[in-house]
């Protein structure tokens, strides 16, 4: 592993927001797992516990991370990580002698993408752990576990590309509040497009496919064509975000 990558990984793990988020997420998962069968909870969430409980519980909990909460968490975390580096003039001045700007931003991106995928997998672990406490071995239905883990991995790809987009926003705006504003605006636009009848726009929109996987195919397998098509569109956005970040970093001189 490159020395800069190790350095940025250590800096990332010093962000207290990471630990606060996962403590809150574990607490939420725990209470959902144990309270979800209460009639008041069923009515409030408009759910059928016979569908969302037991083996389907870890999939049901995905919507809390992938839909909005996870994106905002990533936005806050990446904003603290990247904008702090910018404020300290470390985005364009090397920390180690002889390191190029490209290597610096590549190391930051590598850490950010790894963290995004790790967060998704840790989220899956938390949801399975709390579900096991509530329903025991019932949650380990082989077909359901394979289906759900596939969806978590696909969500990890989406969240990684969203993280690339947040990094691109950070280096373009160079302002944490503007970055957060644009991410909230993205969430609103995403909700509008995903719930509209604009089928052509939906097919080329980054957030459409995670929404499709999460809601249209909830508690059932995702067709291979839908999975591959979504990955291709999301990956194209990732390439664009990556190139924007590299281009912007190279132009920074103050």
Protein backbone atom coordinates (compact mmCIF):
# COMPACT_ATOMS: atom_id res chain seq x y z
CA UNK A 1 0.00 0.00 0.00
CA UNK A 2 1.30 3.46 -0.89
CA UNK A 3 2.46 5.53 2.12
CA UNK A 4 -0.01 8.33 1.30
CA UNK A 5 -2.89 5.84 1.20
CA UNK A 6 -1.94 4.60 4.67
CA UNK A 7 -1.70 8.17 5.91
CA UNK A 8 -5.13 9.15 4.58
CA UNK A 9 -6.69 5.95 5.92
CA UNK A 10 -5.43 6.82 9.42
CA UNK A 11 -6.77 10.37 9.05
CA UNK A 12 -10.14 9.04 7.94
CA UNK A 13 -10.44 6.76 10.95
CA UNK A 14 -9.80 9.75 13.23
CA UNK A 15 -13.11 11.26 12.11
CA UNK A 16 -15.40 10.84 15.11
CA UNK A 17 -18.44 11.07 12.83
CA UNK A 18 -17.74 7.52 11.62
CA UNK A 19 -18.13 6.01 15.07
CA UNK A 20 -21.11 8.17 16.01
CA UNK A 21 -22.90 7.11 12.83
CA UNK A 22 -22.40 3.37 13.36
CA UNK A 23 -23.39 3.54 17.02
CA UNK A 24 -26.62 5.28 15.95
CA UNK A 25 -27.14 2.84 13.10
CA UNK A 26 -26.65 -0.19 15.35
CA UNK A 27 -29.08 1.29 17.88
CA UNK A 28 -31.69 1.96 15.17
CA UNK A 29 -31.30 -1.55 13.72
CA UNK A 30 -31.53 -3.11 17.18
CA UNK A 31 -34.74 -1.32 18.11
CA UNK A 32 -36.33 -1.93 14.69
CA UNK A 33 -35.58 -5.65 14.98
CA UNK A 34 -37.21 -5.90 18.41
CA UNK A 35 -40.06 -3.40 18.03
CA UNK A 36 -41.09 -4.01 14.44
CA UNK A 37 -43.85 -6.45 15.43
CA UNK A 38 -45.60 -3.91 17.63
CA UNK A 39 -48.92 -2.88 15.99
CA UNK A 40 -48.08 0.79 16.47
CA UNK A 41 -44.82 0.40 14.55
CA UNK A 42 -46.52 -1.51 11.72
CA UNK A 43 -49.13 1.22 11.35
CA UNK A 44 -46.61 4.05 11.61
CA UNK A 45 -44.26 2.59 8.97
CA UNK A 46 -47.08 1.16 6.83
CA UNK A 47 -45.41 -2.26 6.68
CA UNK A 48 -46.37 -5.91 6.94
CA UNK A 49 -44.07 -7.58 9.46
CA UNK A 50 -44.66 -10.96 7.77
CA UNK A 51 -42.81 -9.54 4.75
CA UNK A 52 -40.15 -7.25 6.23
CA UNK A 53 -39.26 -9.38 9.24
CA UNK A 54 -37.09 -12.48 9.74
CA UNK A 55 -34.98 -13.37 6.67
CA UNK A 56 -36.01 -10.15 4.87
CA UNK A 57 -35.14 -7.79 7.72
CA UNK A 58 -31.54 -7.02 6.54
CA UNK A 59 -32.93 -6.10 3.11
CA UNK A 60 -35.67 -3.96 4.62
CA UNK A 61 -33.04 -1.98 6.56
CA UNK A 62 -31.06 -1.24 3.37
CA UNK A 63 -33.41 1.58 2.46
CA UNK A 64 -32.32 3.57 5.52
CA UNK A 65 -28.68 3.57 4.43
CA UNK A 66 -28.84 3.67 0.64
CA UNK A 67 -31.82 5.95 0.19
CA UNK A 68 -30.92 9.11 2.10
CA UNK A 69 -29.10 8.56 5.38
CA UNK A 70 -26.04 6.91 3.85
CA UNK A 71 -25.67 9.56 1.15
CA UNK A 72 -25.86 12.41 3.66
CA UNK A 73 -23.45 10.60 5.97
CA UNK A 74 -20.97 10.17 3.12
CA UNK A 75 -21.44 13.82 2.15
CA UNK A 76 -20.63 15.04 5.67
CA UNK A 77 -17.69 12.65 6.03
CA UNK A 78 -16.13 13.42 2.64
CA UNK A 79 -16.70 17.15 3.13
CA UNK A 80 -14.82 17.05 6.43
CA UNK A 81 -12.09 14.91 4.87
CA UNK A 82 -11.55 16.80 1.59
CA UNK A 83 -12.44 20.37 2.56
CA UNK A 84 -10.23 20.18 5.64
CA UNK A 85 -7.34 19.17 3.36
CA UNK A 86 -8.16 22.08 1.08
CA UNK A 87 -8.33 24.55 3.96
CA UNK A 88 -4.91 23.39 5.14
CA UNK A 89 -3.59 23.64 1.55
CA UNK A 90 -2.84 19.93 1.48
CA UNK A 91 -4.86 19.16 -1.65
CA UNK A 92 -2.28 20.76 -3.89
CA UNK A 93 0.88 20.89 -1.77
CA UNK A 94 2.53 17.48 -1.26
CA UNK A 95 2.72 16.03 2.22
CA UNK A 96 5.68 13.83 1.35
CA UNK A 97 8.67 14.96 -0.67
CA UNK A 98 8.41 14.06 -4.33
CA UNK A 99 4.74 13.07 -4.34
CA UNK A 100 2.67 14.36 -7.24
CA UNK A 101 -0.80 15.88 -7.05
CA UNK A 102 -2.13 12.91 -9.00
CA UNK A 103 -0.78 10.47 -6.43
CA UNK A 104 -2.26 12.52 -3.61
CA UNK A 105 -5.77 12.65 -5.03
CA UNK A 106 -5.58 9.01 -6.14
CA UNK A 107 -4.68 7.99 -2.59
CA UNK A 108 -7.57 10.04 -1.18
CA UNK A 109 -9.99 8.53 -3.71
CA UNK A 110 -8.73 5.03 -2.99
CA UNK A 111 -9.35 5.51 0.74
CA UNK A 112 -12.77 7.09 0.15
CA UNK A 113 -13.97 4.30 -2.17
CA UNK A 114 -12.68 1.59 0.15
CA UNK A 115 -14.47 3.21 3.06
CA UNK A 116 -17.74 3.44 1.11
CA UNK A 117 -17.69 -0.28 0.30
CA UNK A 118 -16.61 -1.12 3.85
CA UNK A 119 -19.50 0.96 5.23
CA UNK A 120 -21.99 -0.97 3.13
CA UNK A 121 -20.59 -4.34 4.27
CA UNK A 122 -20.47 -3.19 7.90
CA UNK A 123 -24.07 -2.02 7.56
CA UNK A 124 -25.00 -5.50 6.31
CA UNK A 125 -23.17 -7.06 9.27
CA UNK A 126 -24.98 -4.80 11.76
CA UNK A 127 -28.36 -5.62 10.24
CA UNK A 128 -27.68 -9.35 10.24
CA UNK A 129 -26.35 -9.21 13.81
CA UNK A 130 -29.41 -7.41 15.15
CA UNK A 131 -31.74 -9.64 13.09
CA UNK A 132 -30.05 -12.74 14.55
CA UNK A 133 -30.62 -11.41 18.07
CA UNK A 134 -34.32 -11.09 17.26
CA UNK A 135 -35.15 -14.04 14.99
CA UNK A 136 -32.24 -16.44 15.39
CA UNK A 137 -31.26 -18.84 12.60
CA UNK A 138 -34.37 -18.02 10.57
CA UNK A 139 -32.51 -15.13 8.93
CA UNK A 140 -29.89 -17.44 7.38
CA UNK A 141 -32.09 -18.78 4.59
CA UNK A 142 -29.48 -19.51 1.87
CA UNK A 143 -31.40 -18.06 -1.09
CA UNK A 144 -32.32 -14.91 0.84
CA UNK A 145 -28.76 -14.36 2.12
CA UNK A 146 -27.30 -14.61 -1.40
CA UNK A 147 -29.96 -12.28 -2.81
CA UNK A 148 -29.51 -9.71 -0.05
CA UNK A 149 -25.71 -9.70 -0.12
CA UNK A 150 -25.82 -9.18 -3.89
CA UNK A 151 -27.97 -6.11 -3.30
CA UNK A 152 -25.61 -4.81 -0.63
CA UNK A 153 -22.67 -5.20 -3.03
CA UNK A 154 -24.56 -3.41 -5.82
CA UNK A 155 -25.42 -0.68 -3.34
CA UNK A 156 -21.73 -0.51 -2.46
CA UNK A 157 -20.90 0.20 -6.11
CA UNK A 158 -23.50 2.98 -6.16
CA UNK A 159 -22.33 4.51 -2.88
CA UNK A 160 -18.70 4.39 -4.07
CA UNK A 161 -19.60 6.37 -7.19
CA UNK A 162 -21.67 8.80 -5.14
CA UNK A 163 -18.56 9.26 -3.00
CA UNK A 164 -16.60 10.10 -6.16
CA UNK A 165 -19.27 12.68 -6.97
CA UNK A 166 -18.99 14.19 -3.49
CA UNK A 167 -15.20 14.44 -3.88
CA UNK A 168 -15.67 16.17 -7.26
CA UNK A 169 -18.11 18.60 -5.62
CA UNK A 170 -15.68 19.28 -2.77
CA UNK A 171 -12.79 20.15 -5.07
CA UNK A 172 -15.01 22.23 -7.38
CA UNK A 173 -16.88 24.24 -4.74
CA UNK A 174 -14.10 24.23 -2.12
CA UNK A 175 -16.80 25.02 0.40
CA UNK A 176 -18.37 22.47 2.80
CA UNK A 177 -21.77 24.17 2.96
CA UNK A 178 -22.07 24.42 -0.82
CA UNK A 179 -21.18 20.73 -1.08
CA UNK A 180 -23.84 19.74 1.46
CA UNK A 181 -26.38 22.00 -0.30
CA UNK A 182 -25.73 20.35 -3.67
CA UNK A 183 -25.99 16.87 -2.14
CA UNK A 184 -29.36 17.70 -0.59
CA UNK A 185 -30.41 19.11 -3.97
CA UNK A 186 -29.27 15.84 -5.59
CA UNK A 187 -31.40 13.81 -3.18
CA UNK A 188 -34.47 15.92 -4.02
CA UNK A 189 -33.86 15.68 -7.78
CA UNK A 190 -33.23 11.95 -7.45
CA UNK A 191 -36.54 11.44 -5.63
CA UNK A 192 -38.36 13.44 -8.32
CA UNK A 193 -36.82 11.53 -11.25
CA UNK A 194 -37.23 8.09 -9.68
CA UNK A 195 -40.91 8.75 -8.98
CA UNK A 196 -41.70 10.41 -12.31
CA UNK A 197 -42.83 9.01 -15.64
CA UNK A 198 -39.70 10.26 -17.44
CA UNK A 199 -38.58 6.81 -18.55
CA UNK A 200 -35.87 8.09 -20.91
CA UNK A 201 -34.34 10.31 -18.22
CA UNK A 202 -34.57 7.48 -15.70
CA UNK A 203 -32.54 5.13 -17.91
CA UNK A 204 -29.55 7.50 -17.85
CA UNK A 205 -29.92 8.72 -14.25
CA UNK A 206 -27.42 7.43 -11.68
CA UNK A 207 -29.94 7.10 -8.86
CA UNK A 208 -32.62 5.26 -10.85
CA UNK A 209 -31.03 1.81 -10.73
CA UNK A 210 -30.42 1.65 -6.96
CA UNK A 211 -34.03 2.75 -6.51
CA UNK A 212 -35.12 0.01 -8.95
CA UNK A 213 -33.07 -2.65 -7.14
CA UNK A 214 -34.25 -1.51 -3.74
CA UNK A 215 -37.97 -1.06 -4.30
CA UNK A 216 -39.12 -2.62 -7.56
CA UNK A 217 -37.20 -5.83 -6.81
CA UNK A 218 -37.44 -5.73 -3.04
CA UNK A 219 -37.52 -9.26 -1.55
CA UNK A 220 -36.85 -10.82 -4.96
CA UNK A 221 -33.87 -11.37 -7.23
CA UNK A 222 -32.61 -8.70 -9.63
CA UNK A 223 -32.59 -9.76 -13.31
CA UNK A 224 -29.07 -9.92 -14.73
CA UNK A 225 -29.90 -7.40 -17.48
CA UNK A 226 -31.10 -4.84 -14.91
CA UNK A 227 -28.01 -5.37 -12.75
CA UNK A 228 -25.51 -5.09 -15.62
CA UNK A 229 -27.29 -2.11 -17.19
CA UNK A 230 -27.33 -0.28 -13.88
CA UNK A 231 -23.66 -1.00 -13.16
CA UNK A 232 -22.70 0.29 -16.62
CA UNK A 233 -24.57 3.59 -16.19
CA UNK A 234 -23.27 4.09 -12.65
CA UNK A 235 -19.69 3.28 -13.74
CA UNK A 236 -19.88 5.92 -16.50
CA UNK A 237 -20.82 8.52 -13.91
CA UNK A 238 -17.89 7.32 -11.82
CA UNK A 239 -15.45 7.90 -14.70
CA UNK A 240 -16.82 11.43 -15.22
CA UNK A 241 -16.58 12.30 -11.50
CA UNK A 242 -13.05 10.90 -11.32
CA UNK A 243 -11.86 12.92 -14.30
CA UNK A 244 -13.44 16.11 -12.95
CA UNK A 245 -11.61 15.64 -9.64
CA UNK A 246 -8.24 15.06 -11.33
CA UNK A 247 -8.71 18.01 -13.69
CA UNK A 248 -9.72 20.37 -10.87
CA UNK A 249 -6.88 19.32 -8.57
CA UNK A 250 -4.29 19.94 -11.27
CA UNK A 251 -5.58 23.52 -11.71
CA UNK A 252 -5.45 24.43 -8.02
CA UNK A 253 -2.67 26.88 -7.23
CA UNK A 254 -3.90 28.82 -4.21
